[in-house]
Amino acid sequence: MGLPHSPVRYGKPFMMAEWNSDPNKGLTHRASYIQAQLAEFRAHRSTEAFQSAMFYELDGGTQWGLTESDGTPLDPPYTAYRSFVSAHPDT
């Protein structure tokens, strides 16, 4: 996924409001994708005026989410997300 080359588009910071991997590629792929995307988004904070990336489909189950509808963590995506966020606190 390439981000825009302009540091600020239309005079506003860039925010990624919706993103996820292809649900047909499996849980291991999604875990890798989550960490890769979060790393890319974080790197672009200083170069592309990237302000925020949101992951809000937390109970989408095996197709999209990080947990099952009953709250059971869906691994490895849940662990990948939690590990990245724990290792990179927002300061």
C-alpha atoms as a PDB file:
ATOM      1  CA  MET A   1       0.000   0.000   0.000  1.00  0.00           C
ATOM      2  CA  GLY A   2       1.590   3.266  -1.019  1.00  0.00           C
ATOM      3  CA  LEU A   3       0.870   6.431   0.869  1.00  0.00           C
ATOM      4  CA  PRO A   4       0.659   9.827  -0.826  1.00  0.00           C
ATOM      5  CA  HIS A   5       3.957  11.590  -1.446  1.00  0.00           C
ATOM      6  CA  SER A   6       2.675  14.981  -0.364  1.00  0.00           C
ATOM      7  CA  PRO A   7       3.218  15.571   3.386  1.00  0.00           C
ATOM      8  CA  VAL A   8      -0.229  17.109   3.712  1.00  0.00           C
ATOM      9  CA  ARG A   9      -3.086  16.687   1.268  1.00  0.00           C
ATOM     10  CA  TYR A  10      -5.532  19.521   0.811  1.00  0.00           C
ATOM     11  CA  GLY A  11      -3.992  21.300   3.789  1.00  0.00           C
ATOM     12  CA  LYS A  12      -5.057  18.512   6.167  1.00  0.00           C
ATOM     13  CA  PRO A  13      -3.222  15.647   7.884  1.00  0.00           C
ATOM     14  CA  PHE A  14      -3.679  12.152   6.464  1.00  0.00           C
ATOM     15  CA  MET A  15      -5.699   9.579   8.446  1.00  0.00           C
ATOM     16  CA  MET A  16      -6.313   5.947   7.555  1.00  0.00           C
ATOM     17  CA  ALA A  17      -9.846   5.230   8.734  1.00  0.00           C
ATOM     18  CA  GLU A  18     -10.292   1.718   7.386  1.00  0.00           C
ATOM     19  CA  TRP A  19      -7.827  -1.012   6.449  1.00  0.00           C
ATOM     20  CA  ASN A  20      -7.373  -4.770   6.660  1.00  0.00           C
ATOM     21  CA  SER A  21      -5.907  -7.662   4.709  1.00  0.00           C
ATOM     22  CA  ASP A  22      -7.665  -9.999   2.315  1.00  0.00           C
ATOM     23  CA  PRO A  23      -9.772 -12.281   4.546  1.00  0.00           C
ATOM     24  CA  ASN A  24      -9.270 -15.166   2.113  1.00  0.00           C
ATOM     25  CA  LYS A  25      -5.529 -15.416   2.839  1.00  0.00           C
ATOM     26  CA  GLY A  26      -5.771 -16.851   6.363  1.00  0.00           C
ATOM     27  CA  LEU A  27      -4.941 -15.835   9.898  1.00  0.00           C
ATOM     28  CA  THR A  28      -1.151 -16.084   9.654  1.00  0.00           C
ATOM     29  CA  HIS A  29      -1.145 -13.781   6.641  1.00  0.00           C
ATOM     30  CA  ARG A  30      -3.402 -11.321   8.453  1.00  0.00           C
ATOM     31  CA  ALA A  31      -1.088 -11.281  11.488  1.00  0.00           C
ATOM     32  CA  SER A  32       1.906 -10.454   9.270  1.00  0.00           C
ATOM     33  CA  TYR A  33      -0.097  -7.842   7.383  1.00  0.00           C
ATOM     34  CA  ILE A  34      -1.233  -6.140  10.598  1.00  0.00           C
ATOM     35  CA  GLN A  35       2.331  -5.747  11.846  1.00  0.00           C
ATOM     36  CA  ALA A  36       3.657  -4.632   8.450  1.00  0.00           C
ATOM     37  CA  GLN A  37       0.919  -2.036   7.990  1.00  0.00           C
ATOM     38  CA  LEU A  38       1.236  -0.660  11.501  1.00  0.00           C
ATOM     39  CA  ALA A  39       4.992  -0.345  11.006  1.00  0.00           C
ATOM     40  CA  GLU A  40       4.471   1.473   7.699  1.00  0.00           C
ATOM     41  CA  PHE A  41       1.867   3.807   9.177  1.00  0.00           C
ATOM     42  CA  ARG A  42       4.138   4.557  12.138  1.00  0.00           C
ATOM     43  CA  ALA A  43       7.092   5.305   9.869  1.00  0.00           C
ATOM     44  CA  HIS A  44       5.004   7.784   7.883  1.00  0.00           C
ATOM     45  CA  ARG A  45       4.144   9.831  10.962  1.00  0.00           C
ATOM     46  CA  SER A  46       7.242  11.968  10.485  1.00  0.00           C
ATOM     47  CA  THR A  47       7.476  11.929   6.683  1.00  0.00           C
ATOM     48  CA  GLU A  48       3.878  12.077   5.471  1.00  0.00           C
ATOM     49  CA  ALA A  49       2.009  13.946   8.253  1.00  0.00           C
ATOM     50  CA  PHE A  50       0.248  10.673   9.001  1.00  0.00           C
ATOM     51  CA  GLN A  51      -1.874  11.223  12.107  1.00  0.00           C
ATOM     52  CA  SER A  52      -3.807   8.062  12.834  1.00  0.00           C
ATOM     53  CA  ALA A  53      -4.565   4.473  11.838  1.00  0.00           C
ATOM     54  CA  MET A  54      -7.637   2.869  13.357  1.00  0.00           C
ATOM     55  CA  PHE A  55      -8.400  -0.808  13.793  1.00  0.00           C
ATOM     56  CA  TYR A  56     -11.976  -0.976  14.955  1.00  0.00           C
ATOM     57  CA  GLU A  57     -13.420  -4.256  13.682  1.00  0.00           C
ATOM     58  CA  LEU A  58     -12.313  -6.042  16.819  1.00  0.00           C
ATOM     59  CA  ASP A  59     -15.035  -8.692  16.940  1.00  0.00           C
ATOM     60  CA  GLY A  60     -15.325  -9.602  13.284  1.00  0.00           C
ATOM     61  CA  GLY A  61     -14.275 -13.173  13.875  1.00  0.00           C
ATOM     62  CA  THR A  62     -12.187 -15.177  11.449  1.00  0.00           C
ATOM     63  CA  GLN A  63     -13.003 -12.942   8.482  1.00  0.00           C
ATOM     64  CA  TRP A  64     -11.901  -9.523   9.769  1.00  0.00           C
ATOM     65  CA  GLY A  65     -11.534  -9.140  13.513  1.00  0.00           C
ATOM     66  CA  LEU A  66      -9.085  -9.672  16.323  1.00  0.00           C
ATOM     67  CA  THR A  67     -11.543 -11.515  18.550  1.00  0.00           C
ATOM     68  CA  GLU A  68     -14.492 -13.834  18.177  1.00  0.00           C
ATOM     69  CA  SER A  69     -17.920 -12.351  18.916  1.00  0.00           C
ATOM     70  CA  ASP A  70     -17.705 -13.747  22.473  1.00  0.00           C
ATOM     71  CA  GLY A  71     -14.412 -11.879  23.077  1.00  0.00           C
ATOM     72  CA  THR A  72     -12.100 -14.852  22.645  1.00  0.00           C
ATOM     73  CA  PRO A  73      -8.809 -13.643  21.102  1.00  0.00           C
ATOM     74  CA  LEU A  74      -8.305 -14.750  17.518  1.00  0.00           C
ATOM     75  CA  ASP A  75      -4.676 -15.752  17.147  1.00  0.00           C
ATOM     76  CA  PRO A  76      -2.292 -15.008  15.580  1.00  0.00           C
ATOM     77  CA  PRO A  77      -3.845 -11.639  14.491  1.00  0.00           C
ATOM     78  CA  TYR A  78      -4.757 -10.633  18.060  1.00  0.00           C
ATOM     79  CA  THR A  79      -1.266 -11.323  19.347  1.00  0.00           C
ATOM     80  CA  ALA A  80       0.328  -9.530  16.372  1.00  0.00           C
ATOM     81  CA  TYR A  81      -1.753  -6.403  17.008  1.00  0.00           C
ATOM     82  CA  ARG A  82      -1.236  -6.467  20.760  1.00  0.00           C
ATOM     83  CA  SER A  83       2.516  -7.058  20.430  1.00  0.00           C
ATOM     84  CA  PHE A  84       2.951  -4.151  18.021  1.00  0.00           C
ATOM     85  CA  VAL A  85       0.917  -1.732  20.107  1.00  0.00           C
ATOM     86  CA  SER A  86       2.731  -2.782  23.320  1.00  0.00           C
ATOM     87  CA  ALA A  87       6.131  -2.370  21.685  1.00  0.00           C
ATOM     88  CA  HIS A  88       5.291   1.042  20.177  1.00  0.00           C
ATOM     89  CA  PRO A  89       3.381   3.150  22.718  1.00  0.00           C
ATOM     90  CA  ASP A  90       2.155   6.450  21.354  1.00  0.00           C
ATOM     91  CA  THR A  91       4.145   9.289  22.864  1.00  0.00           C
END
